[in-house]
Each structure stands twice: as C-alpha cells, then as structure tokens.
Amino acid sequence: MTRSRLVLIALLALASASVSGAQVPVQLSPGGRPAAPAELAAPEAVRKAAVGGKYRSLLAVIRVPEDLAAYTAFSDYGFSNTPAWGGYTGLPAGYWVYVYPHWYLWRETSGDAAPPAGTVRRSWGPEQATGEPDTEQAGDLTTAWASRTQDGQDEWLTLEYERPILPVAVIVHETFNPGALNRLTMFRPDTEEVDVWKGTDPTPPGREKGVSILPVQVEFQTSKIKLHLESTRVPGWNEIDAVGLVDDMGRTHWAARAQASSTYAEPSP
C-alpha cells in the first residue's frame, strides 16, 4: 500500500480533524515526480534563497550540485523562463536563486506581489478562507467567506497556495449551511484547469457545520484549486472558513490567497 493511500485512509477516518505539519517545499525530480523526503531542501536554505524576503511564492526546487563551479555557493540569478535544466523538465518561469546544491524558483518578488490576502480581512470576504480554520462556532460569522446572495447563483471559490503540492485530498471547513459542494477542479502548472472530483458534499445539508474531505488522485503538482458550490440548491449562505490541501506525506497546507465568484464583503478601499 502506498504512502499516499495510507494518508488518505487516515484522513477519511478522521474527517472531523485536519492533518498539520511543516511547510517544506516539494522538490521536483526528472520527469516531474516528487523526490524522496530525504531529498527535500532544508528550511534554512529556503529562507536564504528568499534573499531576505526579496522573493515569495516558491514554485519549485531542483537539485543541481554540478552548478557550484559556475554559480558558486550562492547566486541570485534573477528571472528566467528556462523550461529544462540539469535533467529537469517542465520548469516554470520565475526568479532563480542558487543555494548549493539547489536552485529555488520563485514566482514573484515582494515588490511585484500584491499585499497578502490576510493583510486586510474584510468581513465575509474570500480572504477569510485563507490560513488555518478560525471560525469555531457554526453560524453567519464574519470570519468565513460568504457569497453576495443566499441563493441567487451557483458560486465558486479559488484558493492559491505558496508552493506546488502533490495532493491526495482537500479539506473544506464549512461553517454555515454546508452541503453545496459538488465539484473540485485543480490547475496544472501550465494553467490548464482539470476536473478532479465531482459528487455529493460529504457534509449533508441540514448540519450546522462540517469538515468535508474530498479525496483526489492526480499525477501533477498544483498550487491552485477551485471549489464549485451548487448554492442555488442549498438554501442560505454556504459559508467556508478554511481550505486545506493535503500532500502525499500527510501535511496540510493552508491557502495563502483566495478569490470568489461573489462576496458579501464591502468593496476593498
């Protein structure tokens, strides 16, 4: 039985709780397969590669020790759209930093990035679905995302994560009128949107709140997912507090940014 299968079984057995763990970046190996845990880059090296906060949103880490001679032990190379290097293929465009023996590929610089979603959390805004769960009680509470209308249209919620993850499950904390989830899509590195789950929400309508675990089987890493809600068929505001993306090592990663089809929040100033 594979490790990812064991992780999924544990999640389904503990549907009322989420798995938490260190936010260690996934290293790509030739062919796009996840490397063994022992090959993961050390967290202190990741911090060094961020160059004092200059870069954010890690896309990939590749191990190329032979580049030491050309780039020394540290090199802030800058932006590159090189798709293949050191035996690795399908590399995303980004900002490259070499901290021996790895290259770190970042999506953006801190100057280019918009303020993190959590900086200003509007009541009922989609940014309320970022980070770990913080809505302890069921009800129409400002610390969860809510759509503009109760049942005016079907809704969607898009979540982005700090780094690509090979997922085995998505954990959705529904805190008001659950039961509307009916579809889950994920985005490949080339931005193609792919259906990965369709069905009935594991938390049925009528419950005060619930934690819905959606198992997935995909062969690509993702840093962006989209929840689809059949809001017109489940009365009331279908509010979501947090969305965890579980990797094949059992670690839960919480969303860093979120967008929604609509929101009850006041417009940003």
C-alpha atoms as a PDB file:
ATOM      1  CA  MET A   1       0.000   0.000   0.000  1.00  0.00           C
ATOM      2  CA  THR A   2       1.428   3.399  -0.986  1.00  0.00           C
ATOM      3  CA  ARG A   3       2.131   6.195   1.462  1.00  0.00           C
ATOM      4  CA  SER A   4      -0.435   8.462  -0.217  1.00  0.00           C
ATOM      5  CA  ARG A   5      -3.090   5.747   0.141  1.00  0.00           C
ATOM      6  CA  LEU A   6      -2.328   5.423   3.856  1.00  0.00           C
ATOM      7  CA  VAL A   7      -2.560   9.191   4.238  1.00  0.00           C
ATOM      8  CA  LEU A   8      -5.942   9.254   2.535  1.00  0.00           C
ATOM      9  CA  ILE A   9      -7.301   6.438   4.719  1.00  0.00           C
ATOM     10  CA  ALA A  10      -6.217   8.317   7.838  1.00  0.00           C
ATOM     11  CA  LEU A  11      -7.901  11.487   6.610  1.00  0.00           C
ATOM     12  CA  LEU A  12     -11.175   9.782   5.849  1.00  0.00           C
ATOM     13  CA  ALA A  13     -11.123   8.126   9.269  1.00  0.00           C
ATOM     14  CA  LEU A  14     -10.562  11.461  10.965  1.00  0.00           C
ATOM     15  CA  ALA A  15     -12.914  13.658   8.978  1.00  0.00           C
ATOM     16  CA  SER A  16     -13.506  15.993  11.892  1.00  0.00           C
ATOM     17  CA  ALA A  17      -9.835  16.928  12.172  1.00  0.00           C
ATOM     18  CA  SER A  18      -7.139  18.129   9.793  1.00  0.00           C
ATOM     19  CA  VAL A  19      -3.550  16.974   9.500  1.00  0.00           C
ATOM     20  CA  SER A  20      -0.953  19.675  10.126  1.00  0.00           C
ATOM     21  CA  GLY A  21       2.783  19.689   9.535  1.00  0.00           C
ATOM     22  CA  ALA A  22       5.873  21.538   8.430  1.00  0.00           C
ATOM     23  CA  GLN A  23       5.573  23.607   5.294  1.00  0.00           C
ATOM     24  CA  VAL A  24       8.548  22.049   3.477  1.00  0.00           C
ATOM     25  CA  PRO A  25       8.770  22.723  -0.257  1.00  0.00           C
ATOM     26  CA  VAL A  26       8.426  19.825  -2.667  1.00  0.00           C
ATOM     27  CA  GLN A  27      11.473  19.133  -4.822  1.00  0.00           C
ATOM     28  CA  LEU A  28      10.914  18.105  -8.407  1.00  0.00           C
ATOM     29  CA  SER A  29      12.862  15.205  -9.858  1.00  0.00           C
ATOM     30  CA  PRO A  30      13.436  14.475 -13.558  1.00  0.00           C
ATOM     31  CA  GLY A  31      10.097  13.690 -15.174  1.00  0.00           C
ATOM     32  CA  GLY A  32       8.182  15.770 -12.640  1.00  0.00           C
ATOM     33  CA  ARG A  33       7.926  13.072  -9.953  1.00  0.00           C
ATOM     34  CA  PRO A  34       8.224  14.098  -6.288  1.00  0.00           C
ATOM     35  CA  ALA A  35      11.602  13.255  -4.795  1.00  0.00           C
ATOM     36  CA  ALA A  36      12.014  11.144  -1.670  1.00  0.00           C
ATOM     37  CA  PRO A  37      11.594  13.048   1.635  1.00  0.00           C
ATOM     38  CA  ALA A  38      15.344  12.841   2.327  1.00  0.00           C
ATOM     39  CA  GLU A  39      15.965  14.894  -0.809  1.00  0.00           C
ATOM     40  CA  LEU A  40      13.849  17.844   0.303  1.00  0.00           C
ATOM     41  CA  ALA A  41      15.712  21.091   0.782  1.00  0.00           C
ATOM     42  CA  ALA A  42      16.330  22.252   4.351  1.00  0.00           C
ATOM     43  CA  PRO A  43      14.056  25.074   5.611  1.00  0.00           C
ATOM     44  CA  GLU A  44      17.064  27.269   6.473  1.00  0.00           C
ATOM     45  CA  ALA A  45      18.246  27.004   2.867  1.00  0.00           C
ATOM     46  CA  VAL A  46      14.794  28.047   1.660  1.00  0.00           C
ATOM     47  CA  ARG A  47      14.957  31.135   3.874  1.00  0.00           C
ATOM     48  CA  LYS A  48      18.394  32.000   2.479  1.00  0.00           C
ATOM     49  CA  ALA A  49      17.088  31.536  -1.051  1.00  0.00           C
ATOM     50  CA  ALA A  50      14.324  34.066  -0.363  1.00  0.00           C
ATOM     51  CA  VAL A  51      17.133  36.661  -0.131  1.00  0.00           C
ATOM     52  CA  GLY A  52      15.857  38.499   2.904  1.00  0.00           C
ATOM     53  CA  GLY A  53      12.241  38.460   1.753  1.00  0.00           C
ATOM     54  CA  LYS A  54      13.033  39.645  -1.778  1.00  0.00           C
ATOM     55  CA  TYR A  55      11.237  36.644  -3.300  1.00  0.00           C
ATOM     56  CA  ARG A  56       7.972  34.906  -2.405  1.00  0.00           C
ATOM     57  CA  SER A  57       5.762  32.009  -3.541  1.00  0.00           C
ATOM     58  CA  LEU A  58       8.172  29.135  -4.150  1.00  0.00           C
ATOM     59  CA  LEU A  59       7.355  27.277  -7.371  1.00  0.00           C
ATOM     60  CA  ALA A  60       9.954  24.510  -7.458  1.00  0.00           C
ATOM     61  CA  VAL A  61      13.258  23.278  -6.049  1.00  0.00           C
ATOM     62  CA  ILE A  62      15.718  21.306  -8.192  1.00  0.00           C
ATOM     63  CA  ARG A  63      18.992  19.728  -7.122  1.00  0.00           C
ATOM     64  CA  VAL A  64      21.896  20.552  -9.426  1.00  0.00           C
ATOM     65  CA  PRO A  65      25.157  20.254  -7.401  1.00  0.00           C
ATOM     66  CA  GLU A  66      27.317  20.479 -10.528  1.00  0.00           C
ATOM     67  CA  ASP A  67      26.351  24.180 -10.906  1.00  0.00           C
ATOM     68  CA  LEU A  68      28.626  25.058  -7.965  1.00  0.00           C
ATOM     69  CA  ALA A  69      31.576  25.744 -10.272  1.00  0.00           C
ATOM     70  CA  ALA A  70      29.688  28.211 -12.442  1.00  0.00           C
ATOM     71  CA  TYR A  71      27.459  29.920  -9.859  1.00  0.00           C
ATOM     72  CA  THR A  72      29.403  29.477  -6.547  1.00  0.00           C
ATOM     73  CA  ALA A  73      27.585  28.531  -3.354  1.00  0.00           C
ATOM     74  CA  PHE A  74      25.073  31.368  -3.725  1.00  0.00           C
ATOM     75  CA  SER A  75      23.726  33.170  -6.778  1.00  0.00           C
ATOM     76  CA  ASP A  76      20.742  35.480  -7.154  1.00  0.00           C
ATOM     77  CA  TYR A  77      20.378  34.833 -10.873  1.00  0.00           C
ATOM     78  CA  GLY A  78      17.093  36.676 -11.461  1.00  0.00           C
ATOM     79  CA  PHE A  79      14.200  35.923 -13.799  1.00  0.00           C
ATOM     80  CA  SER A  80      14.398  33.019 -16.253  1.00  0.00           C
ATOM     81  CA  ASN A  81      11.871  31.136 -18.384  1.00  0.00           C
ATOM     82  CA  THR A  82      14.171  28.159 -18.967  1.00  0.00           C
ATOM     83  CA  PRO A  83      11.889  25.085 -19.192  1.00  0.00           C
ATOM     84  CA  ALA A  84      14.628  22.480 -18.719  1.00  0.00           C
ATOM     85  CA  TRP A  85      17.829  22.470 -16.660  1.00  0.00           C
ATOM     86  CA  GLY A  86      20.082  19.925 -15.004  1.00  0.00           C
ATOM     87  CA  GLY A  87      17.997  16.979 -16.185  1.00  0.00           C
ATOM     88  CA  TYR A  88      14.703  18.501 -15.044  1.00  0.00           C
ATOM     89  CA  THR A  89      11.919  19.361 -17.467  1.00  0.00           C
ATOM     90  CA  GLY A  90       8.683  21.322 -17.334  1.00  0.00           C
ATOM     91  CA  LEU A  91      10.175  24.020 -15.114  1.00  0.00           C
ATOM     92  CA  PRO A  92       8.010  27.117 -14.579  1.00  0.00           C
ATOM     93  CA  ALA A  93       9.177  30.621 -15.423  1.00  0.00           C
ATOM     94  CA  GLY A  94      10.283  32.509 -12.321  1.00  0.00           C
ATOM     95  CA  TYR A  95      13.123  34.058 -10.343  1.00  0.00           C
ATOM     96  CA  TRP A  96      16.061  31.667  -9.870  1.00  0.00           C
ATOM     97  CA  VAL A  97      18.287  31.607  -6.776  1.00  0.00           C
ATOM     98  CA  TYR A  98      21.094  29.078  -6.307  1.00  0.00           C
ATOM     99  CA  VAL A  99      21.933  27.918  -2.790  1.00  0.00           C
ATOM    100  CA  TYR A 100      24.209  24.931  -3.192  1.00  0.00           C
ATOM    101  CA  PRO A 101      23.192  22.290  -4.154  1.00  0.00           C
ATOM    102  CA  HIS A 102      19.695  23.503  -5.154  1.00  0.00           C
ATOM    103  CA  TRP A 103      18.075  26.018  -7.450  1.00  0.00           C
ATOM    104  CA  TYR A 104      14.993  27.714  -5.980  1.00  0.00           C
ATOM    105  CA  LEU A 105      12.425  29.008  -8.456  1.00  0.00           C
ATOM    106  CA  TRP A 106      10.193  31.794  -7.130  1.00  0.00           C
ATOM    107  CA  ARG A 107       7.008  33.124  -8.692  1.00  0.00           C
ATOM    108  CA  GLU A 108       7.397  36.809  -7.789  1.00  0.00           C
ATOM    109  CA  THR A 109       9.389  39.447  -5.992  1.00  0.00           C
ATOM    110  CA  SER A 110       7.972  41.134  -2.913  1.00  0.00           C
ATOM    111  CA  GLY A 111       7.800  44.382  -4.883  1.00  0.00           C
ATOM    112  CA  ASP A 112       5.697  42.785  -7.640  1.00  0.00           C
ATOM    113  CA  ALA A 113       3.390  40.937  -5.304  1.00  0.00           C
ATOM    114  CA  ALA A 114       0.057  42.241  -4.175  1.00  0.00           C
ATOM    115  CA  PRO A 115      -0.392  42.511  -0.398  1.00  0.00           C
ATOM    116  CA  PRO A 116      -1.068  39.070   1.130  1.00  0.00           C
ATOM    117  CA  ALA A 117      -4.745  38.217   1.327  1.00  0.00           C
ATOM    118  CA  GLY A 118      -4.576  38.116   5.105  1.00  0.00           C
ATOM    119  CA  THR A 119      -3.292  41.691   5.443  1.00  0.00           C
ATOM    120  CA  VAL A 120      -6.798  43.191   5.298  1.00  0.00           C
ATOM    121  CA  ARG A 121      -9.514  40.705   6.143  1.00  0.00           C
ATOM    122  CA  ARG A 122     -12.907  42.093   5.237  1.00  0.00           C
ATOM    123  CA  SER A 123     -15.888  40.596   6.994  1.00  0.00           C
ATOM    124  CA  TRP A 124     -17.167  37.689   4.845  1.00  0.00           C
ATOM    125  CA  GLY A 125     -14.506  38.355   2.187  1.00  0.00           C
ATOM    126  CA  PRO A 126     -12.848  35.467   0.292  1.00  0.00           C
ATOM    127  CA  GLU A 127      -9.631  36.260   2.194  1.00  0.00           C
ATOM    128  CA  GLN A 128     -11.393  34.821   5.257  1.00  0.00           C
ATOM    129  CA  ALA A 129     -10.941  31.379   3.631  1.00  0.00           C
ATOM    130  CA  THR A 130      -7.138  31.705   3.768  1.00  0.00           C
ATOM    131  CA  GLY A 131      -4.984  30.399   6.617  1.00  0.00           C
ATOM    132  CA  GLU A 132      -5.953  27.869   9.241  1.00  0.00           C
ATOM    133  CA  PRO A 133      -9.550  27.487  10.499  1.00  0.00           C
ATOM    134  CA  ASP A 134     -10.525  30.289  12.879  1.00  0.00           C
ATOM    135  CA  THR A 135     -14.327  30.095  12.956  1.00  0.00           C
ATOM    136  CA  GLU A 136     -15.067  27.867  15.921  1.00  0.00           C
ATOM    137  CA  GLN A 137     -18.850  28.138  16.006  1.00  0.00           C
ATOM    138  CA  ALA A 138     -21.452  27.480  13.349  1.00  0.00           C
ATOM    139  CA  GLY A 139     -23.393  30.431  12.045  1.00  0.00           C
ATOM    140  CA  ASP A 140     -23.290  33.510   9.859  1.00  0.00           C
ATOM    141  CA  LEU A 141     -19.962  34.776  11.177  1.00  0.00           C
ATOM    142  CA  THR A 142     -17.660  37.409   9.691  1.00  0.00           C
ATOM    143  CA  THR A 143     -14.572  35.172   9.876  1.00  0.00           C
ATOM    144  CA  ALA A 144     -15.746  32.958   6.998  1.00  0.00           C
ATOM    145  CA  TRP A 145     -16.323  33.682   3.322  1.00  0.00           C
ATOM    146  CA  ALA A 146     -19.922  34.308   2.277  1.00  0.00           C
ATOM    147  CA  SER A 147     -21.314  34.948  -1.198  1.00  0.00           C
ATOM    148  CA  ARG A 148     -23.169  38.111  -2.155  1.00  0.00           C
ATOM    149  CA  THR A 149     -26.609  36.468  -2.157  1.00  0.00           C
ATOM    150  CA  GLN A 150     -28.034  33.490  -0.327  1.00  0.00           C
ATOM    151  CA  ASP A 151     -29.264  31.524  -3.348  1.00  0.00           C
ATOM    152  CA  GLY A 152     -29.030  33.897  -6.302  1.00  0.00           C
ATOM    153  CA  GLN A 153     -26.481  31.882  -8.293  1.00  0.00           C
ATOM    154  CA  ASP A 154     -24.083  28.962  -8.071  1.00  0.00           C
ATOM    155  CA  GLU A 155     -20.732  30.070  -6.653  1.00  0.00           C
ATOM    156  CA  TRP A 156     -17.031  29.236  -6.803  1.00  0.00           C
ATOM    157  CA  LEU A 157     -14.043  29.832  -4.545  1.00  0.00           C
ATOM    158  CA  THR A 158     -10.467  29.737  -5.863  1.00  0.00           C
ATOM    159  CA  LEU A 159      -7.583  29.072  -3.452  1.00  0.00           C
ATOM    160  CA  GLU A 160      -3.865  29.567  -4.098  1.00  0.00           C
ATOM    161  CA  TYR A 161      -1.044  28.028  -2.060  1.00  0.00           C
ATOM    162  CA  GLU A 162       2.518  29.187  -1.522  1.00  0.00           C
ATOM    163  CA  ARG A 163       4.143  26.289  -3.362  1.00  0.00           C
ATOM    164  CA  PRO A 164       3.217  23.407  -5.681  1.00  0.00           C
ATOM    165  CA  ILE A 165       1.833  20.375  -3.870  1.00  0.00           C
ATOM    166  CA  LEU A 166       1.178  16.794  -4.969  1.00  0.00           C
ATOM    167  CA  PRO A 167      -2.307  16.468  -3.428  1.00  0.00           C
ATOM    168  CA  VAL A 168      -4.199  13.462  -2.114  1.00  0.00           C
ATOM    169  CA  ALA A 169      -7.145  15.314  -0.559  1.00  0.00           C
ATOM    170  CA  VAL A 170      -8.774  18.684   0.014  1.00  0.00           C
ATOM    171  CA  ILE A 171     -10.220  19.568   3.423  1.00  0.00           C
ATOM    172  CA  VAL A 172     -13.069  22.100   3.397  1.00  0.00           C
ATOM    173  CA  HIS A 173     -14.244  23.694   6.654  1.00  0.00           C
ATOM    174  CA  GLU A 174     -17.895  24.630   6.093  1.00  0.00           C
ATOM    175  CA  THR A 175     -19.276  26.730   8.921  1.00  0.00           C
ATOM    176  CA  PHE A 176     -22.780  27.718   7.770  1.00  0.00           C
ATOM    177  CA  ASN A 177     -25.332  25.871   5.616  1.00  0.00           C
ATOM    178  CA  PRO A 178     -22.964  23.148   4.371  1.00  0.00           C
ATOM    179  CA  GLY A 179     -23.791  20.670   1.632  1.00  0.00           C
ATOM    180  CA  ALA A 180     -23.374  22.765  -1.531  1.00  0.00           C
ATOM    181  CA  LEU A 181     -20.005  21.406  -2.712  1.00  0.00           C
ATOM    182  CA  ASN A 182     -20.435  19.406  -5.918  1.00  0.00           C
ATOM    183  CA  ARG A 183     -17.204  19.815  -7.921  1.00  0.00           C
ATOM    184  CA  LEU A 184     -13.478  20.386  -7.451  1.00  0.00           C
ATOM    185  CA  THR A 185     -11.003  21.469 -10.119  1.00  0.00           C
ATOM    186  CA  MET A 186      -7.227  21.907  -9.968  1.00  0.00           C
ATOM    187  CA  PHE A 187      -4.835  23.833 -12.158  1.00  0.00           C
ATOM    188  CA  ARG A 188      -1.812  22.205 -13.783  1.00  0.00           C
ATOM    189  CA  PRO A 189       1.495  24.144 -13.877  1.00  0.00           C
ATOM    190  CA  ASP A 190       0.593  25.206 -17.443  1.00  0.00           C
ATOM    191  CA  THR A 191      -2.663  26.734 -16.011  1.00  0.00           C
ATOM    192  CA  GLU A 192      -4.961  24.098 -17.564  1.00  0.00           C
ATOM    193  CA  GLU A 193      -7.991  23.561 -15.299  1.00  0.00           C
ATOM    194  CA  VAL A 194      -8.799  19.896 -14.669  1.00  0.00           C
ATOM    195  CA  ASP A 195     -11.792  18.211 -13.021  1.00  0.00           C
ATOM    196  CA  VAL A 196     -10.563  16.041 -10.135  1.00  0.00           C
ATOM    197  CA  TRP A 197     -13.735  15.401  -8.125  1.00  0.00           C
ATOM    198  CA  LYS A 198     -17.486  15.517  -8.695  1.00  0.00           C
ATOM    199  CA  GLY A 199     -20.203  14.300  -6.395  1.00  0.00           C
ATOM    200  CA  THR A 200     -22.250  14.976  -3.300  1.00  0.00           C
ATOM    201  CA  ASP A 201     -20.837  17.073  -0.498  1.00  0.00           C
ATOM    202  CA  PRO A 202     -19.665  14.726   2.316  1.00  0.00           C
ATOM    203  CA  THR A 203     -21.299  17.131   4.778  1.00  0.00           C
ATOM    204  CA  PRO A 204     -25.044  16.960   4.037  1.00  0.00           C
ATOM    205  CA  PRO A 205     -27.432  19.936   4.102  1.00  0.00           C
ATOM    206  CA  GLY A 206     -29.105  20.469   7.449  1.00  0.00           C
ATOM    207  CA  ARG A 207     -25.923  20.170   9.521  1.00  0.00           C
ATOM    208  CA  GLU A 208     -24.826  23.225  11.471  1.00  0.00           C
ATOM    209  CA  LYS A 209     -21.252  22.912  10.155  1.00  0.00           C
ATOM    210  CA  GLY A 210     -18.857  20.240   8.933  1.00  0.00           C
ATOM    211  CA  VAL A 211     -15.441  19.302   7.615  1.00  0.00           C
ATOM    212  CA  SER A 212     -15.686  17.816   4.138  1.00  0.00           C
ATOM    213  CA  ILE A 213     -12.762  15.732   2.874  1.00  0.00           C
ATOM    214  CA  LEU A 214     -12.560  15.351  -0.895  1.00  0.00           C
ATOM    215  CA  PRO A 215     -10.092  12.603  -1.957  1.00  0.00           C
ATOM    216  CA  VAL A 216      -8.240  13.169  -5.225  1.00  0.00           C
ATOM    217  CA  GLN A 217      -5.909  11.132  -7.428  1.00  0.00           C
ATOM    218  CA  VAL A 218      -3.716  13.271  -9.675  1.00  0.00           C
ATOM    219  CA  GLU A 219      -0.225  12.902 -11.112  1.00  0.00           C
ATOM    220  CA  PHE A 220       0.710  16.587 -11.178  1.00  0.00           C
ATOM    221  CA  GLN A 221       1.599  19.186  -8.580  1.00  0.00           C
ATOM    222  CA  THR A 222      -0.676  22.159  -8.095  1.00  0.00           C
ATOM    223  CA  SER A 223      -0.699  25.445  -6.219  1.00  0.00           C
ATOM    224  CA  LYS A 224      -4.221  26.495  -7.239  1.00  0.00           C
ATOM    225  CA  ILE A 225      -7.601  24.814  -6.778  1.00  0.00           C
ATOM    226  CA  LYS A 226     -11.231  25.807  -7.282  1.00  0.00           C
ATOM    227  CA  LEU A 227     -14.268  24.770  -5.259  1.00  0.00           C
ATOM    228  CA  HIS A 228     -17.638  24.794  -7.025  1.00  0.00           C
ATOM    229  CA  LEU A 229     -20.809  25.187  -4.963  1.00  0.00           C
ATOM    230  CA  GLU A 230     -24.342  24.423  -6.081  1.00  0.00           C
ATOM    231  CA  SER A 231     -25.600  27.271  -3.933  1.00  0.00           C
ATOM    232  CA  THR A 232     -28.973  27.529  -5.643  1.00  0.00           C
ATOM    233  CA  ARG A 233     -29.923  24.066  -4.304  1.00  0.00           C
ATOM    234  CA  VAL A 234     -28.802  24.500  -0.682  1.00  0.00           C
ATOM    235  CA  PRO A 235     -30.717  27.349   0.993  1.00  0.00           C
ATOM    236  CA  GLY A 236     -28.891  30.123   2.830  1.00  0.00           C
ATOM    237  CA  TRP A 237     -25.361  31.438   2.692  1.00  0.00           C
ATOM    238  CA  ASN A 238     -22.972  28.474   2.223  1.00  0.00           C
ATOM    239  CA  GLU A 239     -20.003  29.824   4.184  1.00  0.00           C
ATOM    240  CA  ILE A 240     -16.440  28.453   4.138  1.00  0.00           C
ATOM    241  CA  ASP A 241     -13.809  29.201   6.774  1.00  0.00           C
ATOM    242  CA  ALA A 242     -10.657  27.425   5.514  1.00  0.00           C
ATOM    243  CA  VAL A 243      -9.479  25.031   2.807  1.00  0.00           C
ATOM    244  CA  GLY A 244      -6.547  22.685   3.389  1.00  0.00           C
ATOM    245  CA  LEU A 245      -4.607  20.951   0.621  1.00  0.00           C
ATOM    246  CA  VAL A 246      -3.119  17.664   1.870  1.00  0.00           C
ATOM    247  CA  ASP A 247       0.075  16.407   0.236  1.00  0.00           C
ATOM    248  CA  ASP A 248       1.206  12.812  -0.203  1.00  0.00           C
ATOM    249  CA  MET A 249       3.238  12.993   3.022  1.00  0.00           C
ATOM    250  CA  GLY A 250       0.171  13.867   5.094  1.00  0.00           C
ATOM    251  CA  ARG A 251       0.963  17.556   5.552  1.00  0.00           C
ATOM    252  CA  THR A 252      -1.859  20.074   5.320  1.00  0.00           C
ATOM    253  CA  HIS A 253      -1.121  23.342   3.526  1.00  0.00           C
ATOM    254  CA  TRP A 254      -3.476  26.285   4.040  1.00  0.00           C
ATOM    255  CA  ALA A 255      -4.400  28.741   1.308  1.00  0.00           C
ATOM    256  CA  ALA A 256      -2.433  31.987   1.021  1.00  0.00           C
ATOM    257  CA  ARG A 257      -4.755  33.793  -1.400  1.00  0.00           C
ATOM    258  CA  ALA A 258      -8.407  33.461  -2.375  1.00  0.00           C
ATOM    259  CA  GLN A 259     -10.875  34.793  -4.933  1.00  0.00           C
ATOM    260  CA  ALA A 260     -14.592  34.158  -5.239  1.00  0.00           C
ATOM    261  CA  SER A 261     -17.432  34.491  -7.714  1.00  0.00           C
ATOM    262  CA  SER A 262     -19.024  36.981  -5.340  1.00  0.00           C
ATOM    263  CA  THR A 263     -18.764  38.147  -1.747  1.00  0.00           C
ATOM    264  CA  TYR A 264     -20.932  39.729   0.905  1.00  0.00           C
ATOM    265  CA  ALA A 265     -17.910  41.814   1.972  1.00  0.00           C
ATOM    266  CA  GLU A 266     -17.737  45.519   1.364  1.00  0.00           C
ATOM    267  CA  PRO A 267     -15.536  46.506  -1.617  1.00  0.00           C
ATOM    268  CA  SER A 268     -11.854  46.969  -0.848  1.00  0.00           C
ATOM    269  CA  PRO A 269     -10.957  50.620  -0.080  1.00  0.00           C
END
